[in-house]
């Protein structure tokens, strides 16, 4: 009897495998270059930042750039660095949690139930993916002004709840990863909708939740909050870091440290959840 091999084997030679590995290494180095440069630039002294031709790796690493950054943030006005940090953490946390909950509940209804207008509603969500924030900025401002939400956290948090990307990803993932028979079996056993959603659906869509968390954190963490907020005590951390970088050549080191500082949180979340992101993207386009 022939031995059956588990899994699907690629139809290429060993030389082909080596060639693919080399190509992937080249592309990986190409895409990693900006990250490596940003990390090294944050620890370069000023004389190395202005050297020509520029060097990729730092020779004499220093933490003076970070010290200068925190000193400038605490001295440039009455608003301290901790206040800017609190604003960013608060808006990012509340906006991300709310986005995940609302997108998950709406996606569950659209994915597992059919009601009049469900297809039209999801088509509208798909069309909304084509519009960037620049297109909706003026209508969004008019809505916030009418509601009286300008100069409040609500102007940044509530729009994050309604991001169409989250609903699209969650619906597509639920349709491909949650069988209808599983939900029907739970209903036969007497489980209510809330119990099914919390105990069955949410654990099964963990990869999609982590992916959505990455996108939401990246969008909110990098939001300067200057479109709807004008009070300095409510502005976000990117606004403070942008003012540091606009201070001229003498602040180049502090600006490099600020760039790395803003990259830490999204990059860390992406590294921890990268396998789930790949799984979600692969499943989002699968149809039964």
Protein backbone atom coordinates (compact mmCIF):
# COMPACT_ATOMS: atom_id res chain seq x y z
CA UNK A 1 0.00 0.00 0.00
CA UNK A 2 1.20 3.46 -0.81
CA UNK A 3 1.81 5.73 2.11
CA UNK A 4 -0.53 8.72 2.04
CA UNK A 5 1.20 11.97 2.82
CA UNK A 6 -0.55 14.37 5.13
CA UNK A 7 -1.09 17.84 3.77
CA UNK A 8 -0.51 19.24 0.33
CA UNK A 9 3.04 19.22 -0.95
CA UNK A 10 4.26 22.00 -3.25
CA UNK A 11 5.13 20.78 -6.75
CA UNK A 12 8.65 22.19 -7.06
CA UNK A 13 12.24 21.02 -6.71
CA UNK A 14 14.70 21.75 -3.91
CA UNK A 15 16.30 24.41 -6.12
CA UNK A 16 12.88 26.01 -6.46
CA UNK A 17 12.50 26.06 -2.68
CA UNK A 18 15.88 27.75 -2.33
CA UNK A 19 14.96 30.29 -4.99
CA UNK A 20 11.67 31.11 -3.26
CA UNK A 21 13.47 31.48 0.07
CA UNK A 22 16.01 33.87 -1.46
CA UNK A 23 13.28 35.99 -3.06
CA UNK A 24 11.36 36.15 0.23
CA UNK A 25 14.51 37.16 2.10
CA UNK A 26 15.17 39.97 -0.38
CA UNK A 27 11.62 41.30 -0.12
CA UNK A 28 11.70 40.90 3.67
CA UNK A 29 14.90 42.94 3.92
CA UNK A 30 13.41 45.57 1.62
CA UNK A 31 10.28 46.00 3.74
CA UNK A 32 12.21 45.85 7.02
CA UNK A 33 14.60 48.63 5.99
CA UNK A 34 12.38 51.60 7.12
CA UNK A 35 11.78 49.96 10.49
CA UNK A 36 15.47 49.22 11.06
CA UNK A 37 16.40 52.75 10.03
CA UNK A 38 13.80 54.33 12.35
CA UNK A 39 15.00 52.28 15.32
CA UNK A 40 18.63 53.19 14.72
CA UNK A 41 17.85 56.86 14.06
CA UNK A 42 16.14 57.16 17.45
CA UNK A 43 19.39 56.22 19.20
CA UNK A 44 21.78 58.25 17.02
CA UNK A 45 23.45 61.38 18.37
CA UNK A 46 23.01 64.54 16.31
CA UNK A 47 26.41 64.23 14.61
CA UNK A 48 25.40 60.82 13.22
CA UNK A 49 21.94 61.99 12.16
CA UNK A 50 23.47 64.64 9.90
CA UNK A 51 26.36 62.58 8.54
CA UNK A 52 26.53 62.22 4.76
CA UNK A 53 26.14 59.72 3.27
CA UNK A 54 23.76 58.50 5.99
CA UNK A 55 24.59 55.31 7.84
CA UNK A 56 21.99 52.64 8.51
CA UNK A 57 23.28 51.46 11.89
CA UNK A 58 24.13 53.63 14.87
CA UNK A 59 27.78 53.71 15.94
CA UNK A 60 27.54 55.47 19.32
CA UNK A 61 24.03 54.75 20.67
CA UNK A 62 22.57 57.23 23.12
CA UNK A 63 19.25 57.84 24.90
CA UNK A 64 19.63 61.63 24.81
CA UNK A 65 16.99 61.89 22.09
CA UNK A 66 14.35 60.40 24.39
CA UNK A 67 15.43 62.62 27.27
CA UNK A 68 15.18 65.69 25.04
CA UNK A 69 11.77 64.55 23.80
CA UNK A 70 10.24 64.25 27.28
CA UNK A 71 11.90 67.51 28.37
CA UNK A 72 10.45 69.38 25.40
CA UNK A 73 6.98 67.91 25.87
CA UNK A 74 6.89 69.00 29.50
CA UNK A 75 8.25 72.47 28.79
CA UNK A 76 6.42 73.52 25.65
CA UNK A 77 3.18 74.42 27.46
CA UNK A 78 0.98 73.94 30.49
CA UNK A 79 -0.13 70.51 29.24
CA UNK A 80 2.21 67.77 30.44
CA UNK A 81 3.31 64.66 28.62
CA UNK A 82 1.26 62.46 30.94
CA UNK A 83 -1.93 64.32 29.94
CA UNK A 84 -1.30 63.76 26.24
CA UNK A 85 -0.54 60.12 26.97
CA UNK A 86 -3.75 59.69 28.97
CA UNK A 87 -5.82 61.19 26.15
CA UNK A 88 -4.35 58.80 23.60
CA UNK A 89 -4.66 55.72 25.80
CA UNK A 90 -8.24 56.56 26.82
CA UNK A 91 -9.50 57.25 23.30
CA UNK A 92 -7.65 54.26 21.82
CA UNK A 93 -8.91 51.84 24.48
CA UNK A 94 -12.55 52.92 24.51
CA UNK A 95 -12.71 53.30 20.74
CA UNK A 96 -11.16 49.88 20.12
CA UNK A 97 -13.35 48.01 22.62
CA UNK A 98 -16.51 49.72 21.37
CA UNK A 99 -15.61 49.09 17.74
CA UNK A 100 -15.03 45.38 18.35
CA UNK A 101 -18.29 44.93 20.27
CA UNK A 102 -20.50 46.83 17.82
CA UNK A 103 -18.87 45.32 14.72
CA UNK A 104 -19.15 41.81 16.18
CA UNK A 105 -22.83 42.13 17.09
CA UNK A 106 -23.77 43.67 13.74
CA UNK A 107 -21.69 41.12 11.80
CA UNK A 108 -23.33 38.22 13.65
CA UNK A 109 -26.80 39.39 12.62
CA UNK A 110 -25.79 39.99 9.00
CA UNK A 111 -23.87 36.72 8.69
CA UNK A 112 -26.36 34.32 10.28
CA UNK A 113 -29.77 35.88 9.71
CA UNK A 114 -31.67 37.01 6.64
CA UNK A 115 -34.05 39.94 6.96
CA UNK A 116 -35.44 42.53 4.51
CA UNK A 117 -32.69 44.96 3.54
CA UNK A 118 -29.77 42.92 4.91
CA UNK A 119 -28.07 42.60 1.53
CA UNK A 120 -28.62 46.28 0.77
CA UNK A 121 -27.18 47.26 4.14
CA UNK A 122 -24.05 45.16 3.67
CA UNK A 123 -23.65 46.53 0.14
CA UNK A 124 -23.70 50.04 1.61
CA UNK A 125 -21.02 49.00 4.10
CA UNK A 126 -18.88 47.63 1.26
CA UNK A 127 -19.25 50.85 -0.71
CA UNK A 128 -18.28 52.85 2.39
CA UNK A 129 -14.88 51.09 2.36
CA UNK A 130 -13.98 53.05 -0.78
CA UNK A 131 -14.28 56.45 0.94
CA UNK A 132 -11.24 57.77 2.78
CA UNK A 133 -11.34 59.99 5.83
CA UNK A 134 -10.55 63.05 3.72
CA UNK A 135 -13.81 62.62 1.79
CA UNK A 136 -15.96 62.34 4.91
CA UNK A 137 -14.10 64.95 6.95
CA UNK A 138 -16.42 67.90 6.20
CA UNK A 139 -19.71 65.95 6.61
CA UNK A 140 -18.30 64.43 9.78
CA UNK A 141 -17.43 67.83 11.19
CA UNK A 142 -20.91 69.17 10.42
CA UNK A 143 -22.48 66.21 12.22
CA UNK A 144 -20.24 66.63 15.26
CA UNK A 145 -20.99 70.34 15.40
CA UNK A 146 -24.75 69.70 15.22
CA UNK A 147 -24.51 67.15 18.03
CA UNK A 148 -22.35 69.46 20.13
CA UNK A 149 -19.54 66.93 20.33
CA UNK A 150 -16.69 69.16 19.19
CA UNK A 151 -14.02 69.61 21.86
CA UNK A 152 -15.06 66.31 23.48
CA UNK A 153 -13.72 62.77 23.41
CA UNK A 154 -16.95 61.64 21.75
CA UNK A 155 -15.90 63.25 18.46
CA UNK A 156 -13.04 60.74 18.21
CA UNK A 157 -14.55 57.70 19.92
CA UNK A 158 -18.03 57.47 18.37
CA UNK A 159 -16.85 57.63 14.70
CA UNK A 160 -14.42 54.79 15.49
CA UNK A 161 -17.40 52.61 16.49
CA UNK A 162 -18.86 52.89 12.99
CA UNK A 163 -15.79 52.06 10.93
CA UNK A 164 -16.98 49.84 8.02
CA UNK A 165 -13.77 47.81 7.93
CA UNK A 166 -14.58 46.07 11.20
CA UNK A 167 -18.08 45.05 10.15
CA UNK A 168 -16.84 43.77 6.78
CA UNK A 169 -14.04 41.65 8.26
CA UNK A 170 -16.16 40.21 11.05
CA UNK A 171 -19.07 39.29 8.76
CA UNK A 172 -16.86 37.58 6.21
CA UNK A 173 -14.97 35.68 8.91
CA UNK A 174 -18.16 34.55 10.65
CA UNK A 175 -19.66 33.27 7.42
CA UNK A 176 -16.60 31.13 6.67
CA UNK A 177 -15.65 29.90 10.15
CA UNK A 178 -18.94 29.44 12.07
CA UNK A 179 -21.23 26.67 10.71
CA UNK A 180 -24.94 27.32 10.86
CA UNK A 181 -25.49 23.83 12.32
CA UNK A 182 -23.43 24.81 15.36
CA UNK A 183 -25.77 27.70 16.15
CA UNK A 184 -28.83 25.57 15.46
CA UNK A 185 -27.56 22.89 17.81
CA UNK A 186 -27.07 25.48 20.54
CA UNK A 187 -30.62 26.72 20.07
CA UNK A 188 -31.96 23.16 20.28
CA UNK A 189 -30.12 22.79 23.59
CA UNK A 190 -31.97 25.87 24.86
CA UNK A 191 -29.25 28.51 24.55
CA UNK A 192 -30.44 32.09 24.12
CA UNK A 193 -29.02 34.52 21.55
CA UNK A 194 -26.86 36.29 24.11
CA UNK A 195 -25.41 33.01 25.37
CA UNK A 196 -24.69 31.84 21.82
CA UNK A 197 -22.98 35.10 20.91
CA UNK A 198 -20.79 35.29 24.02
CA UNK A 199 -19.97 31.59 24.56
CA UNK A 200 -19.82 30.25 20.99
CA UNK A 201 -19.42 33.01 18.42
CA UNK A 202 -16.91 35.30 20.12
CA UNK A 203 -14.35 32.56 21.01
CA UNK A 204 -14.47 31.26 17.42
CA UNK A 205 -13.78 34.68 15.88
CA UNK A 206 -10.77 35.47 18.06
CA UNK A 207 -8.43 35.83 15.03
CA UNK A 208 -10.78 38.39 13.48
CA UNK A 209 -11.06 40.24 16.79
CA UNK A 210 -7.28 40.51 17.10
CA UNK A 211 -7.01 41.70 13.51
CA UNK A 212 -9.69 44.32 14.06
CA UNK A 213 -7.95 45.38 17.26
CA UNK A 214 -4.73 46.03 15.33
CA UNK A 215 -6.46 48.19 12.73
CA UNK A 216 -8.41 50.14 15.34
CA UNK A 217 -5.40 50.76 17.57
CA UNK A 218 -3.33 51.93 14.62
CA UNK A 219 -6.01 54.38 13.47
CA UNK A 220 -6.78 55.83 16.90
CA UNK A 221 -3.23 55.85 18.28
CA UNK A 222 -1.99 57.89 15.29
CA UNK A 223 -4.93 60.31 15.40
CA UNK A 224 -3.74 63.78 16.38
CA UNK A 225 -7.29 64.83 17.28
CA UNK A 226 -7.00 68.29 15.75
CA UNK A 227 -10.02 68.07 13.43
CA UNK A 228 -12.69 68.19 16.12
CA UNK A 229 -10.69 69.11 19.24
CA UNK A 230 -9.15 72.55 19.86
CA UNK A 231 -8.57 72.50 23.62
CA UNK A 232 -4.97 71.55 24.29
CA UNK A 233 -5.83 69.48 27.35
CA UNK A 234 -7.92 67.13 25.19
CA UNK A 235 -5.53 66.71 22.28
CA UNK A 236 -3.75 63.48 21.54
CA UNK A 237 -0.11 62.47 21.86
CA UNK A 238 0.64 62.67 18.09
CA UNK A 239 -0.22 66.39 18.19
CA UNK A 240 2.40 67.00 20.88
CA UNK A 241 5.00 64.94 19.02
CA UNK A 242 4.29 66.81 15.78
CA UNK A 243 4.94 70.12 17.50
CA UNK A 244 8.28 68.79 18.69
CA UNK A 245 9.26 67.70 15.19
CA UNK A 246 8.31 71.11 13.78
CA UNK A 247 10.81 72.88 16.01
CA UNK A 248 13.64 72.95 13.49
CA UNK A 249 16.91 71.15 12.84
CA UNK A 250 17.94 71.21 16.50
CA UNK A 251 15.05 68.91 17.35
CA UNK A 252 15.86 66.25 14.77
CA UNK A 253 16.97 63.82 17.44
CA UNK A 254 13.82 64.34 19.50
CA UNK A 255 11.71 63.94 16.34
CA UNK A 256 13.43 60.61 15.60
CA UNK A 257 12.67 59.43 19.13
CA UNK A 258 9.05 60.56 18.71
CA UNK A 259 8.75 58.54 15.49
CA UNK A 260 9.91 55.38 17.24
CA UNK A 261 7.71 56.11 20.24
CA UNK A 262 4.59 56.25 18.07
CA UNK A 263 5.55 52.98 16.35
CA UNK A 264 5.99 50.92 19.52
CA UNK A 265 2.35 50.18 20.39
CA UNK A 266 1.03 49.28 16.89
CA UNK A 267 4.17 47.30 16.10
CA UNK A 268 4.01 45.33 19.35
CA UNK A 269 0.34 44.49 18.82
CA UNK A 270 1.04 43.41 15.24
CA UNK A 271 3.91 41.11 16.25
CA UNK A 272 1.76 39.43 18.91
CA UNK A 273 -1.20 38.92 16.59
CA UNK A 274 0.40 38.51 13.14
CA UNK A 275 -0.63 34.86 12.69
CA UNK A 276 -4.25 35.74 13.43
CA UNK A 277 -4.14 38.60 10.94
CA UNK A 278 -3.01 36.27 8.16
CA UNK A 279 -5.75 33.78 9.04
CA UNK A 280 -8.42 36.48 9.05
CA UNK A 281 -7.33 37.91 5.70
CA UNK A 282 -7.33 34.43 4.17
CA UNK A 283 -10.82 33.69 5.49
CA UNK A 284 -12.41 37.07 4.71
CA UNK A 285 -12.73 36.24 1.03
CA UNK A 286 -13.86 32.62 1.33
CA UNK A 287 -17.42 31.78 0.39
CA UNK A 288 -19.23 28.53 1.09
